[in-house]
Amino acid sequence: MSANSDISEADLQATADDRFDQPNRRGRPGRLPPDHSAVITRRITALAVGLGLVMAVGKFWLWGETGSVGILASLVHSALDMFGAVASFIAVRFAARKPNADYRFGFGKAESFSAVFQVCLIVLGAAHLLQEVFGHIGHSHPVTQSGPAIMVLCIFIALTLWLIIAQSWAVRATGSIAVRGDRAHYMADLLANIFVIIGIAVASYTPFAWADALVGGLMALWLLFTAFQIGRLAWGQLMDRELNPDERRTIERLAMADTQVRAVTELRTRAAGPHLHIQMRLDLDETLTLSQTHDLILATEKRIMDAFPAADVLIYPHPAGCGHNHGNVRFQTPLPR
């Protein structure tokens, strides 16, 4: 970095270190080296599969004992959690593979396809639940074994809360959309268990036996809302949506740390699973030699990759003041005013 830099080394180190401390930077891809990110996502998805299997089996037994529509709703949700977790378990391992000659941008978008699969599972599950609810309207029956059922569901709530805390840490560290989708599943399952307990208690200890079916209907609507949230995240990555403005400003600030950089233009960013792809044009003093320009570009790449270790950075220099723009005009963005 140039001695004339207007940002100190300490400032740059703080920029790299605060990626886990500032709330608006949590859960962003590219902040960890790919190998470190892969270790975290592999472990957390394996944990999610195991817990999903335990809860699905437990709720199947509860449903047989109680006949509760609310527990059936929660059972379907847990089964979806398990299948979604299996999809994430596979996707994060595939996404962590190194790029090859055929896939030069890597396999990171496998996580987004996993999220799309989860959305399909959720929508199908919600449709099944609504069908069950409509079939029970006007045919409500008291829930049996409500006391033991509530106790078991409380245990499931504690286990789910523990998993969500672990998943939140993993999302904060890696920005994984697959883990984020899993967390949305289990967060909905946590609320499902709470609502089911309320429904069982009301249906068992009050005259309002229809409350159990009402809870099932509410959970079906919550599943559809969860599908929308996960689908929106997956759509953003599959369609190469830009990083959020805070991340882009961080990249621009790191590129402009050397005062020989006059401007950063044509900045393009996209996320693919745990990876980032960043390209930009640097406007430089036209008196710089080719060797000086090369050294400046290398220093800029290093600053950015120190803050985004999983980023693939492509920079091309451009003489400041030259009005010519490169590339297809269709993809060029107007210069900031």
C-alpha atoms as a PDB file:
ATOM      1  CA  MET A   1       0.000   0.000   0.000  1.00  0.00           C
ATOM      2  CA  SER A   2       1.226   3.496  -0.774  1.00  0.00           C
ATOM      3  CA  ALA A   3       2.779   5.577   1.975  1.00  0.00           C
ATOM      4  CA  ASN A   4       0.278   8.279   1.051  1.00  0.00           C
ATOM      5  CA  SER A   5      -2.656   6.112   2.039  1.00  0.00           C
ATOM      6  CA  ASP A   6      -5.377   7.986   3.910  1.00  0.00           C
ATOM      7  CA  ILE A   7      -6.385   4.813   5.820  1.00  0.00           C
ATOM      8  CA  SER A   8      -3.910   3.341   8.276  1.00  0.00           C
ATOM      9  CA  GLU A   9      -3.003  -0.318   8.588  1.00  0.00           C
ATOM     10  CA  ALA A  10      -4.819  -0.322  11.929  1.00  0.00           C
ATOM     11  CA  ASP A  11      -7.976   0.951  10.249  1.00  0.00           C
ATOM     12  CA  LEU A  12      -7.748  -1.755   7.606  1.00  0.00           C
ATOM     13  CA  GLN A  13      -7.258  -4.419  10.262  1.00  0.00           C
ATOM     14  CA  ALA A  14     -10.284  -3.091  12.133  1.00  0.00           C
ATOM     15  CA  THR A  15     -12.296  -3.274   8.931  1.00  0.00           C
ATOM     16  CA  ALA A  16     -11.336  -6.935   8.571  1.00  0.00           C
ATOM     17  CA  ASP A  17     -11.896  -7.778  12.237  1.00  0.00           C
ATOM     18  CA  ASP A  18     -15.268  -6.110  12.691  1.00  0.00           C
ATOM     19  CA  ARG A  19     -16.904  -8.410  10.162  1.00  0.00           C
ATOM     20  CA  PHE A  20     -18.203 -10.473  13.073  1.00  0.00           C
ATOM     21  CA  ASP A  21     -18.945  -7.560  15.410  1.00  0.00           C
ATOM     22  CA  GLN A  22     -21.097  -5.113  13.492  1.00  0.00           C
ATOM     23  CA  PRO A  23     -24.732  -6.246  13.228  1.00  0.00           C
ATOM     24  CA  ASN A  24     -25.155  -5.014   9.654  1.00  0.00           C
ATOM     25  CA  ARG A  25     -22.266  -7.209   8.527  1.00  0.00           C
ATOM     26  CA  ARG A  26     -23.322 -10.449  10.126  1.00  0.00           C
ATOM     27  CA  GLY A  27     -24.385 -13.337   7.990  1.00  0.00           C
ATOM     28  CA  ARG A  28     -22.549 -12.183   4.867  1.00  0.00           C
ATOM     29  CA  PRO A  29     -20.796 -14.677   2.575  1.00  0.00           C
ATOM     30  CA  GLY A  30     -17.107 -14.394   1.802  1.00  0.00           C
ATOM     31  CA  ARG A  31     -15.984 -13.361   5.294  1.00  0.00           C
ATOM     32  CA  LEU A  32     -14.255 -16.666   6.093  1.00  0.00           C
ATOM     33  CA  PRO A  33     -11.706 -18.707   4.134  1.00  0.00           C
ATOM     34  CA  PRO A  34     -13.612 -21.368   2.147  1.00  0.00           C
ATOM     35  CA  ASP A  35     -12.101 -24.299   4.054  1.00  0.00           C
ATOM     36  CA  HIS A  36     -13.067 -22.803   7.430  1.00  0.00           C
ATOM     37  CA  SER A  37     -16.570 -22.066   6.195  1.00  0.00           C
ATOM     38  CA  ALA A  38     -16.931 -25.637   4.894  1.00  0.00           C
ATOM     39  CA  VAL A  39     -16.021 -27.132   8.277  1.00  0.00           C
ATOM     40  CA  ILE A  40     -18.684 -25.050  10.033  1.00  0.00           C
ATOM     41  CA  THR A  41     -21.463 -25.735   7.517  1.00  0.00           C
ATOM     42  CA  ARG A  42     -20.712 -29.463   7.391  1.00  0.00           C
ATOM     43  CA  ARG A  43     -20.954 -29.834  11.140  1.00  0.00           C
ATOM     44  CA  ILE A  44     -24.076 -27.739  11.600  1.00  0.00           C
ATOM     45  CA  THR A  45     -25.968 -29.484   8.782  1.00  0.00           C
ATOM     46  CA  ALA A  46     -25.065 -32.908  10.199  1.00  0.00           C
ATOM     47  CA  LEU A  47     -26.391 -31.765  13.563  1.00  0.00           C
ATOM     48  CA  ALA A  48     -29.603 -30.515  11.939  1.00  0.00           C
ATOM     49  CA  VAL A  49     -30.183 -33.862  10.193  1.00  0.00           C
ATOM     50  CA  GLY A  50     -29.762 -35.781  13.442  1.00  0.00           C
ATOM     51  CA  LEU A  51     -32.087 -33.531  15.430  1.00  0.00           C
ATOM     52  CA  GLY A  52     -34.656 -33.495  12.627  1.00  0.00           C
ATOM     53  CA  LEU A  53     -34.775 -37.302  12.635  1.00  0.00           C
ATOM     54  CA  VAL A  54     -35.202 -37.446  16.420  1.00  0.00           C
ATOM     55  CA  MET A  55     -38.056 -34.929  16.401  1.00  0.00           C
ATOM     56  CA  ALA A  56     -39.829 -36.493  13.420  1.00  0.00           C
ATOM     57  CA  VAL A  57     -39.840 -39.937  15.074  1.00  0.00           C
ATOM     58  CA  GLY A  58     -40.904 -38.491  18.421  1.00  0.00           C
ATOM     59  CA  LYS A  59     -43.777 -36.491  16.945  1.00  0.00           C
ATOM     60  CA  PHE A  60     -44.969 -39.474  14.909  1.00  0.00           C
ATOM     61  CA  TRP A  61     -45.304 -41.382  18.175  1.00  0.00           C
ATOM     62  CA  LEU A  62     -47.067 -38.420  19.805  1.00  0.00           C
ATOM     63  CA  TRP A  63     -49.538 -38.128  16.954  1.00  0.00           C
ATOM     64  CA  GLY A  64     -50.421 -41.810  17.278  1.00  0.00           C
ATOM     65  CA  GLU A  65     -50.985 -41.363  21.020  1.00  0.00           C
ATOM     66  CA  THR A  66     -53.005 -38.138  20.870  1.00  0.00           C
ATOM     67  CA  GLY A  67     -54.636 -37.901  17.439  1.00  0.00           C
ATOM     68  CA  SER A  68     -53.962 -34.137  17.575  1.00  0.00           C
ATOM     69  CA  VAL A  69     -54.157 -32.222  14.294  1.00  0.00           C
ATOM     70  CA  GLY A  70     -51.755 -29.695  15.786  1.00  0.00           C
ATOM     71  CA  ILE A  71     -49.192 -32.427  16.452  1.00  0.00           C
ATOM     72  CA  LEU A  72     -49.768 -33.742  12.931  1.00  0.00           C
ATOM     73  CA  ALA A  73     -48.990 -30.247  11.651  1.00  0.00           C
ATOM     74  CA  SER A  74     -45.822 -30.144  13.732  1.00  0.00           C
ATOM     75  CA  LEU A  75     -44.926 -33.685  12.575  1.00  0.00           C
ATOM     76  CA  VAL A  76     -45.184 -32.673   8.922  1.00  0.00           C
ATOM     77  CA  HIS A  77     -43.076 -29.628   9.678  1.00  0.00           C
ATOM     78  CA  SER A  78     -40.405 -31.719  11.407  1.00  0.00           C
ATOM     79  CA  ALA A  79     -40.371 -34.194   8.517  1.00  0.00           C
ATOM     80  CA  LEU A  80     -39.814 -31.279   6.138  1.00  0.00           C
ATOM     81  CA  ASP A  81     -37.068 -30.014   8.437  1.00  0.00           C
ATOM     82  CA  MET A  82     -35.345 -33.385   8.193  1.00  0.00           C
ATOM     83  CA  PHE A  83     -35.551 -33.616   4.398  1.00  0.00           C
ATOM     84  CA  GLY A  84     -34.499 -29.981   4.048  1.00  0.00           C
ATOM     85  CA  ALA A  85     -31.569 -30.610   6.389  1.00  0.00           C
ATOM     86  CA  VAL A  86     -30.508 -33.611   4.299  1.00  0.00           C
ATOM     87  CA  ALA A  87     -30.596 -31.415   1.184  1.00  0.00           C
ATOM     88  CA  SER A  88     -28.477 -28.801   2.954  1.00  0.00           C
ATOM     89  CA  PHE A  89     -26.141 -31.524   4.249  1.00  0.00           C
ATOM     90  CA  ILE A  90     -25.443 -32.543   0.645  1.00  0.00           C
ATOM     91  CA  ALA A  91     -25.456 -29.032  -0.814  1.00  0.00           C
ATOM     92  CA  VAL A  92     -22.868 -27.469   1.512  1.00  0.00           C
ATOM     93  CA  ARG A  93     -20.459 -30.297   0.760  1.00  0.00           C
ATOM     94  CA  PHE A  94     -20.971 -29.933  -2.985  1.00  0.00           C
ATOM     95  CA  ALA A  95     -20.713 -26.130  -2.784  1.00  0.00           C
ATOM     96  CA  ALA A  96     -17.351 -26.394  -0.999  1.00  0.00           C
ATOM     97  CA  ARG A  97     -15.735 -28.202  -3.951  1.00  0.00           C
ATOM     98  CA  LYS A  98     -12.936 -26.343  -5.671  1.00  0.00           C
ATOM     99  CA  PRO A  99     -13.544 -24.807  -9.125  1.00  0.00           C
ATOM    100  CA  ASN A 100     -12.465 -26.893 -12.101  1.00  0.00           C
ATOM    101  CA  ALA A 101     -11.931 -26.379 -15.822  1.00  0.00           C
ATOM    102  CA  ASP A 102     -15.661 -26.677 -16.558  1.00  0.00           C
ATOM    103  CA  TYR A 103     -16.965 -24.666 -13.598  1.00  0.00           C
ATOM    104  CA  ARG A 104     -14.538 -21.792 -13.217  1.00  0.00           C
ATOM    105  CA  PHE A 105     -16.803 -19.928 -10.799  1.00  0.00           C
ATOM    106  CA  GLY A 106     -17.049 -22.907  -8.460  1.00  0.00           C
ATOM    107  CA  PHE A 107     -20.082 -24.756  -7.134  1.00  0.00           C
ATOM    108  CA  GLY A 108     -21.342 -22.302  -4.523  1.00  0.00           C
ATOM    109  CA  LYS A 109     -24.799 -21.967  -6.040  1.00  0.00           C
ATOM    110  CA  ALA A 110     -25.552 -25.548  -5.049  1.00  0.00           C
ATOM    111  CA  GLU A 111     -26.670 -24.013  -1.757  1.00  0.00           C
ATOM    112  CA  SER A 112     -29.247 -21.890  -3.578  1.00  0.00           C
ATOM    113  CA  PHE A 113     -30.643 -24.918  -5.400  1.00  0.00           C
ATOM    114  CA  SER A 114     -30.916 -26.636  -2.024  1.00  0.00           C
ATOM    115  CA  ALA A 115     -32.945 -23.676  -0.783  1.00  0.00           C
ATOM    116  CA  VAL A 116     -35.271 -23.967  -3.806  1.00  0.00           C
ATOM    117  CA  PHE A 117     -35.796 -27.658  -2.982  1.00  0.00           C
ATOM    118  CA  GLN A 118     -36.668 -26.675   0.582  1.00  0.00           C
ATOM    119  CA  VAL A 119     -39.246 -24.185  -0.693  1.00  0.00           C
ATOM    120  CA  CYS A 120     -40.928 -26.922  -2.755  1.00  0.00           C
ATOM    121  CA  LEU A 121     -41.075 -29.216   0.286  1.00  0.00           C
ATOM    122  CA  ILE A 122     -42.562 -26.469   2.436  1.00  0.00           C
ATOM    123  CA  VAL A 123     -45.295 -25.590  -0.069  1.00  0.00           C
ATOM    124  CA  LEU A 124     -46.288 -29.252  -0.457  1.00  0.00           C
ATOM    125  CA  GLY A 125     -46.380 -29.695   3.307  1.00  0.00           C
ATOM    126  CA  ALA A 126     -48.515 -26.586   3.775  1.00  0.00           C
ATOM    127  CA  ALA A 127     -51.015 -27.819   1.167  1.00  0.00           C
ATOM    128  CA  HIS A 128     -51.266 -31.174   2.960  1.00  0.00           C
ATOM    129  CA  LEU A 129     -51.855 -29.485   6.293  1.00  0.00           C
ATOM    130  CA  LEU A 130     -54.596 -27.244   4.924  1.00  0.00           C
ATOM    131  CA  GLN A 131     -56.321 -30.330   3.517  1.00  0.00           C
ATOM    132  CA  GLU A 132     -56.180 -32.001   6.950  1.00  0.00           C
ATOM    133  CA  VAL A 133     -57.477 -28.890   8.684  1.00  0.00           C
ATOM    134  CA  PHE A 134     -60.462 -28.529   6.347  1.00  0.00           C
ATOM    135  CA  GLY A 135     -61.236 -32.208   6.868  1.00  0.00           C
ATOM    136  CA  HIS A 136     -61.376 -31.695  10.654  1.00  0.00           C
ATOM    137  CA  ILE A 137     -63.546 -28.574  10.611  1.00  0.00           C
ATOM    138  CA  GLY A 138     -66.807 -29.518  12.267  1.00  0.00           C
ATOM    139  CA  HIS A 139     -65.402 -32.900  13.312  1.00  0.00           C
ATOM    140  CA  SER A 140     -63.184 -31.860  16.219  1.00  0.00           C
ATOM    141  CA  HIS A 141     -62.508 -34.378  18.948  1.00  0.00           C
ATOM    142  CA  PRO A 142     -60.815 -34.072  22.340  1.00  0.00           C
ATOM    143  CA  VAL A 143     -57.056 -34.569  22.414  1.00  0.00           C
ATOM    144  CA  THR A 144     -55.955 -37.573  24.494  1.00  0.00           C
ATOM    145  CA  GLN A 145     -52.755 -37.874  26.542  1.00  0.00           C
ATOM    146  CA  SER A 146     -52.404 -34.095  26.491  1.00  0.00           C
ATOM    147  CA  GLY A 147     -50.201 -33.891  29.599  1.00  0.00           C
ATOM    148  CA  PRO A 148     -47.402 -36.197  28.361  1.00  0.00           C
ATOM    149  CA  ALA A 149     -47.673 -34.645  24.885  1.00  0.00           C
ATOM    150  CA  ILE A 150     -47.078 -31.146  26.272  1.00  0.00           C
ATOM    151  CA  MET A 151     -44.097 -32.376  28.304  1.00  0.00           C
ATOM    152  CA  VAL A 152     -42.463 -34.028  25.264  1.00  0.00           C
ATOM    153  CA  LEU A 153     -43.083 -30.950  23.127  1.00  0.00           C
ATOM    154  CA  CYS A 154     -41.366 -28.785  25.756  1.00  0.00           C
ATOM    155  CA  ILE A 155     -38.291 -31.022  25.449  1.00  0.00           C
ATOM    156  CA  PHE A 156     -38.406 -30.582  21.654  1.00  0.00           C
ATOM    157  CA  ILE A 157     -38.648 -26.807  22.092  1.00  0.00           C
ATOM    158  CA  ALA A 158     -35.472 -26.807  24.214  1.00  0.00           C
ATOM    159  CA  LEU A 159     -33.590 -28.937  21.648  1.00  0.00           C
ATOM    160  CA  THR A 160     -34.774 -26.772  18.751  1.00  0.00           C
ATOM    161  CA  LEU A 161     -33.770 -23.569  20.525  1.00  0.00           C
ATOM    162  CA  TRP A 162     -30.295 -24.986  21.115  1.00  0.00           C
ATOM    163  CA  LEU A 163     -29.971 -25.882  17.417  1.00  0.00           C
ATOM    164  CA  ILE A 164     -31.186 -22.443  16.293  1.00  0.00           C
ATOM    165  CA  ILE A 165     -28.550 -20.760  18.462  1.00  0.00           C
ATOM    166  CA  ALA A 166     -25.855 -22.935  16.864  1.00  0.00           C
ATOM    167  CA  GLN A 167     -27.235 -22.259  13.370  1.00  0.00           C
ATOM    168  CA  SER A 168     -27.325 -18.518  14.041  1.00  0.00           C
ATOM    169  CA  TRP A 169     -23.643 -18.623  14.921  1.00  0.00           C
ATOM    170  CA  ALA A 170     -22.917 -20.584  11.730  1.00  0.00           C
ATOM    171  CA  VAL A 171     -24.889 -18.125   9.581  1.00  0.00           C
ATOM    172  CA  ARG A 172     -23.137 -15.198  11.261  1.00  0.00           C
ATOM    173  CA  ALA A 173     -19.756 -16.753  10.490  1.00  0.00           C
ATOM    174  CA  THR A 174     -20.359 -18.094   6.971  1.00  0.00           C
ATOM    175  CA  GLY A 175     -23.416 -16.387   5.469  1.00  0.00           C
ATOM    176  CA  SER A 176     -24.507 -19.801   4.148  1.00  0.00           C
ATOM    177  CA  ILE A 177     -27.919 -19.606   2.473  1.00  0.00           C
ATOM    178  CA  ALA A 178     -28.398 -23.369   2.978  1.00  0.00           C
ATOM    179  CA  VAL A 179     -27.883 -23.068   6.738  1.00  0.00           C
ATOM    180  CA  ARG A 180     -30.042 -19.945   6.738  1.00  0.00           C
ATOM    181  CA  GLY A 181     -32.818 -21.967   5.102  1.00  0.00           C
ATOM    182  CA  ASP A 182     -32.420 -24.709   7.701  1.00  0.00           C
ATOM    183  CA  ARG A 183     -32.605 -22.134  10.471  1.00  0.00           C
ATOM    184  CA  ALA A 184     -35.828 -20.728   9.014  1.00  0.00           C
ATOM    185  CA  HIS A 185     -37.242 -24.259   9.033  1.00  0.00           C
ATOM    186  CA  TYR A 186     -36.349 -24.864  12.645  1.00  0.00           C
ATOM    187  CA  MET A 187     -37.422 -21.404  13.791  1.00  0.00           C
ATOM    188  CA  ALA A 188     -40.839 -22.115  12.315  1.00  0.00           C
ATOM    189  CA  ASP A 189     -40.785 -25.534  14.004  1.00  0.00           C
ATOM    190  CA  LEU A 190     -40.001 -23.866  17.337  1.00  0.00           C
ATOM    191  CA  LEU A 191     -43.020 -21.593  16.992  1.00  0.00           C
ATOM    192  CA  ALA A 192     -45.069 -24.552  15.747  1.00  0.00           C
ATOM    193  CA  ASN A 193     -44.373 -26.478  18.939  1.00  0.00           C
ATOM    194  CA  ILE A 194     -45.351 -23.483  21.052  1.00  0.00           C
ATOM    195  CA  PHE A 195     -48.620 -23.029  19.158  1.00  0.00           C
ATOM    196  CA  VAL A 196     -49.344 -26.747  19.290  1.00  0.00           C
ATOM    197  CA  ILE A 197     -48.964 -26.726  23.083  1.00  0.00           C
ATOM    198  CA  ILE A 198     -51.411 -23.818  23.243  1.00  0.00           C
ATOM    199  CA  GLY A 199     -53.819 -25.625  20.916  1.00  0.00           C
ATOM    200  CA  ILE A 200     -53.654 -28.890  22.881  1.00  0.00           C
ATOM    201  CA  ALA A 201     -54.166 -27.103  26.188  1.00  0.00           C
ATOM    202  CA  VAL A 202     -57.148 -25.120  24.895  1.00  0.00           C
ATOM    203  CA  ALA A 203     -58.699 -28.146  23.170  1.00  0.00           C
ATOM    204  CA  SER A 204     -58.214 -30.380  26.242  1.00  0.00           C
ATOM    205  CA  TYR A 205     -59.103 -28.068  29.108  1.00  0.00           C
ATOM    206  CA  THR A 206     -61.708 -25.750  27.558  1.00  0.00           C
ATOM    207  CA  PRO A 207     -64.898 -26.257  25.503  1.00  0.00           C
ATOM    208  CA  PHE A 208     -63.091 -24.967  22.390  1.00  0.00           C
ATOM    209  CA  ALA A 209     -62.063 -28.289  20.859  1.00  0.00           C
ATOM    210  CA  TRP A 210     -61.781 -26.614  17.428  1.00  0.00           C
ATOM    211  CA  ALA A 211     -58.665 -24.766  18.656  1.00  0.00           C
ATOM    212  CA  ASP A 212     -56.514 -27.758  17.704  1.00  0.00           C
ATOM    213  CA  ALA A 213     -57.566 -27.528  14.049  1.00  0.00           C
ATOM    214  CA  LEU A 214     -57.108 -23.750  14.134  1.00  0.00           C
ATOM    215  CA  VAL A 215     -53.479 -24.188  15.198  1.00  0.00           C
ATOM    216  CA  GLY A 216     -52.920 -26.559  12.267  1.00  0.00           C
ATOM    217  CA  GLY A 217     -54.283 -23.934   9.876  1.00  0.00           C
ATOM    218  CA  LEU A 218     -52.094 -21.209  11.345  1.00  0.00           C
ATOM    219  CA  MET A 219     -49.050 -23.426  10.963  1.00  0.00           C
ATOM    220  CA  ALA A 220     -49.864 -24.043   7.297  1.00  0.00           C
ATOM    221  CA  LEU A 221     -49.908 -20.284   6.720  1.00  0.00           C
ATOM    222  CA  TRP A 222     -46.639 -19.925   8.624  1.00  0.00           C
ATOM    223  CA  LEU A 223     -45.071 -22.587   6.388  1.00  0.00           C
ATOM    224  CA  LEU A 224     -46.039 -20.604   3.293  1.00  0.00           C
ATOM    225  CA  PHE A 225     -44.506 -17.451   4.777  1.00  0.00           C
ATOM    226  CA  THR A 226     -41.307 -19.384   5.525  1.00  0.00           C
ATOM    227  CA  ALA A 227     -41.223 -20.604   1.924  1.00  0.00           C
ATOM    228  CA  PHE A 228     -41.451 -17.012   0.713  1.00  0.00           C
ATOM    229  CA  GLN A 229     -38.527 -15.919   2.897  1.00  0.00           C
ATOM    230  CA  ILE A 230     -36.240 -18.752   1.814  1.00  0.00           C
ATOM    231  CA  GLY A 231     -37.269 -18.400  -1.825  1.00  0.00           C
ATOM    232  CA  ARG A 232     -36.396 -14.701  -1.807  1.00  0.00           C
ATOM    233  CA  LEU A 233     -32.888 -15.462  -0.524  1.00  0.00           C
ATOM    234  CA  ALA A 234     -32.354 -18.202  -3.102  1.00  0.00           C
ATOM    235  CA  TRP A 235     -33.656 -15.976  -5.912  1.00  0.00           C
ATOM    236  CA  GLY A 236     -31.138 -13.260  -5.006  1.00  0.00           C
ATOM    237  CA  GLN A 237     -28.176 -15.598  -5.326  1.00  0.00           C
ATOM    238  CA  LEU A 238     -29.381 -17.468  -8.397  1.00  0.00           C
ATOM    239  CA  MET A 239     -30.022 -14.147 -10.185  1.00  0.00           C
ATOM    240  CA  ASP A 240     -26.638 -12.712  -9.119  1.00  0.00           C
ATOM    241  CA  ARG A 241     -28.044  -9.921  -7.021  1.00  0.00           C
ATOM    242  CA  GLU A 242     -25.509  -7.334  -5.860  1.00  0.00           C
ATOM    243  CA  LEU A 243     -24.228  -7.343  -2.299  1.00  0.00           C
ATOM    244  CA  ASN A 244     -25.945  -4.946   0.069  1.00  0.00           C
ATOM    245  CA  PRO A 245     -24.844  -1.261  -0.003  1.00  0.00           C
ATOM    246  CA  ASP A 246     -22.812  -1.570   3.215  1.00  0.00           C
ATOM    247  CA  GLU A 247     -20.701  -4.381   1.783  1.00  0.00           C
ATOM    248  CA  ARG A 248     -20.192  -2.513  -1.479  1.00  0.00           C
ATOM    249  CA  ARG A 249     -19.098   0.621   0.394  1.00  0.00           C
ATOM    250  CA  THR A 250     -16.612  -1.484   2.363  1.00  0.00           C
ATOM    251  CA  ILE A 251     -15.124  -2.820  -0.876  1.00  0.00           C
ATOM    252  CA  GLU A 252     -14.922   0.671  -2.370  1.00  0.00           C
ATOM    253  CA  ARG A 253     -13.266   2.053   0.760  1.00  0.00           C
ATOM    254  CA  LEU A 254     -10.658  -0.696   0.732  1.00  0.00           C
ATOM    255  CA  ALA A 255      -9.945  -0.076  -2.965  1.00  0.00           C
ATOM    256  CA  MET A 256      -9.614   3.677  -2.378  1.00  0.00           C
ATOM    257  CA  ALA A 257      -7.220   3.239   0.571  1.00  0.00           C
ATOM    258  CA  ASP A 258      -4.324   4.131  -1.722  1.00  0.00           C
ATOM    259  CA  THR A 259      -4.473   7.777  -2.742  1.00  0.00           C
ATOM    260  CA  GLN A 260      -3.139   6.873  -6.200  1.00  0.00           C
ATOM    261  CA  VAL A 261      -6.573   5.352  -6.889  1.00  0.00           C
ATOM    262  CA  ARG A 262      -8.660   8.235  -8.240  1.00  0.00           C
ATOM    263  CA  ALA A 263     -11.973   6.395  -8.505  1.00  0.00           C
ATOM    264  CA  VAL A 264     -13.631   2.979  -8.328  1.00  0.00           C
ATOM    265  CA  THR A 265     -16.119   2.371 -11.122  1.00  0.00           C
ATOM    266  CA  GLU A 266     -18.046  -0.527 -12.647  1.00  0.00           C
ATOM    267  CA  LEU A 267     -18.021  -2.406  -9.337  1.00  0.00           C
ATOM    268  CA  ARG A 268     -19.887  -5.674  -9.757  1.00  0.00           C
ATOM    269  CA  THR A 269     -20.452  -8.203  -6.985  1.00  0.00           C
ATOM    270  CA  ARG A 270     -22.318 -11.453  -6.581  1.00  0.00           C
ATOM    271  CA  ALA A 271     -22.496 -14.220  -4.019  1.00  0.00           C
ATOM    272  CA  ALA A 272     -22.444 -17.938  -4.732  1.00  0.00           C
ATOM    273  CA  GLY A 273     -22.855 -19.958  -1.556  1.00  0.00           C
ATOM    274  CA  PRO A 274     -19.852 -19.184   0.654  1.00  0.00           C
ATOM    275  CA  HIS A 275     -17.978 -17.426  -2.149  1.00  0.00           C
ATOM    276  CA  LEU A 276     -17.963 -13.900  -3.538  1.00  0.00           C
ATOM    277  CA  HIS A 277     -17.047 -12.677  -6.997  1.00  0.00           C
ATOM    278  CA  ILE A 278     -15.910  -9.064  -7.202  1.00  0.00           C
ATOM    279  CA  GLN A 279     -14.811  -7.105 -10.242  1.00  0.00           C
ATOM    280  CA  MET A 280     -14.121  -3.408 -10.642  1.00  0.00           C
ATOM    281  CA  ARG A 281     -12.302  -0.750 -12.603  1.00  0.00           C
ATOM    282  CA  LEU A 282      -9.725   1.453 -10.902  1.00  0.00           C
ATOM    283  CA  ASP A 283      -9.058   4.893 -12.369  1.00  0.00           C
ATOM    284  CA  LEU A 284      -5.348   5.600 -11.867  1.00  0.00           C
ATOM    285  CA  ASP A 285      -2.862   8.350 -12.592  1.00  0.00           C
ATOM    286  CA  GLU A 286      -1.871   7.953 -16.233  1.00  0.00           C
ATOM    287  CA  THR A 287       1.796   8.669 -15.392  1.00  0.00           C
ATOM    288  CA  LEU A 288       2.160   5.385 -13.477  1.00  0.00           C
ATOM    289  CA  THR A 289       4.386   2.793 -15.115  1.00  0.00           C
ATOM    290  CA  LEU A 290       3.119  -0.691 -15.913  1.00  0.00           C
ATOM    291  CA  SER A 291       5.169  -2.086 -13.021  1.00  0.00           C
ATOM    292  CA  GLN A 292       3.790   0.506 -10.580  1.00  0.00           C
ATOM    293  CA  THR A 293       0.246  -0.209 -11.751  1.00  0.00           C
ATOM    294  CA  HIS A 294       0.792  -3.930 -11.262  1.00  0.00           C
ATOM    295  CA  ASP A 295       2.017  -3.418  -7.689  1.00  0.00           C
ATOM    296  CA  LEU A 296      -0.911  -1.134  -6.894  1.00  0.00           C
ATOM    297  CA  ILE A 297      -3.447  -3.648  -8.213  1.00  0.00           C
ATOM    298  CA  LEU A 298      -1.864  -6.456  -6.184  1.00  0.00           C
ATOM    299  CA  ALA A 299      -1.977  -4.342  -3.005  1.00  0.00           C
ATOM    300  CA  THR A 300      -5.648  -3.520  -3.636  1.00  0.00           C
ATOM    301  CA  GLU A 301      -6.531  -7.172  -4.159  1.00  0.00           C
ATOM    302  CA  LYS A 302      -4.760  -8.080  -0.920  1.00  0.00           C
ATOM    303  CA  ARG A 303      -6.684  -5.486   1.103  1.00  0.00           C
ATOM    304  CA  ILE A 304     -10.005  -6.737  -0.234  1.00  0.00           C
ATOM    305  CA  MET A 305      -9.173 -10.415   0.221  1.00  0.00           C
ATOM    306  CA  ASP A 306      -7.995  -9.789   3.788  1.00  0.00           C
ATOM    307  CA  ALA A 307     -11.542  -8.614   4.549  1.00  0.00           C
ATOM    308  CA  PHE A 308     -13.226 -11.161   2.229  1.00  0.00           C
ATOM    309  CA  PRO A 309     -11.016 -14.294   2.233  1.00  0.00           C
ATOM    310  CA  ALA A 310     -13.486 -16.258   0.077  1.00  0.00           C
ATOM    311  CA  ALA A 311     -13.650 -13.584  -2.618  1.00  0.00           C
ATOM    312  CA  ASP A 312     -12.431 -13.907  -6.182  1.00  0.00           C
ATOM    313  CA  VAL A 313     -11.276 -10.397  -7.104  1.00  0.00           C
ATOM    314  CA  LEU A 314     -10.782  -9.160 -10.649  1.00  0.00           C
ATOM    315  CA  ILE A 315      -9.491  -5.589 -11.161  1.00  0.00           C
ATOM    316  CA  TYR A 316      -8.520  -3.803 -14.319  1.00  0.00           C
ATOM    317  CA  PRO A 317      -6.756  -0.409 -14.400  1.00  0.00           C
ATOM    318  CA  HIS A 318      -7.915   2.587 -16.368  1.00  0.00           C
ATOM    319  CA  PRO A 319      -6.267   5.993 -16.893  1.00  0.00           C
ATOM    320  CA  ALA A 320      -8.094   8.680 -14.920  1.00  0.00           C
ATOM    321  CA  GLY A 321      -9.876  11.241 -17.047  1.00  0.00           C
ATOM    322  CA  CYS A 322     -10.239   8.948 -20.041  1.00  0.00           C
ATOM    323  CA  GLY A 323     -13.880   9.028 -21.088  1.00  0.00           C
ATOM    324  CA  HIS A 324     -13.858   5.679 -22.850  1.00  0.00           C
ATOM    325  CA  ASN A 325     -15.801   2.851 -21.211  1.00  0.00           C
ATOM    326  CA  HIS A 326     -14.991  -0.797 -21.813  1.00  0.00           C
ATOM    327  CA  GLY A 327     -17.336  -3.712 -22.286  1.00  0.00           C
ATOM    328  CA  ASN A 328     -20.937  -3.990 -23.427  1.00  0.00           C
ATOM    329  CA  VAL A 329     -22.845  -0.777 -22.762  1.00  0.00           C
ATOM    330  CA  ARG A 330     -25.866  -2.844 -21.676  1.00  0.00           C
ATOM    331  CA  PHE A 331     -24.040  -3.857 -18.495  1.00  0.00           C
ATOM    332  CA  GLN A 332     -22.437  -0.522 -17.693  1.00  0.00           C
ATOM    333  CA  THR A 333     -23.736   1.431 -14.716  1.00  0.00           C
ATOM    334  CA  PRO A 334     -23.812   5.241 -14.605  1.00  0.00           C
ATOM    335  CA  LEU A 335     -21.016   6.924 -12.656  1.00  0.00           C
ATOM    336  CA  PRO A 336     -22.033   8.286  -9.259  1.00  0.00           C
ATOM    337  CA  ARG A 337     -22.937  11.963  -9.287  1.00  0.00           C
END
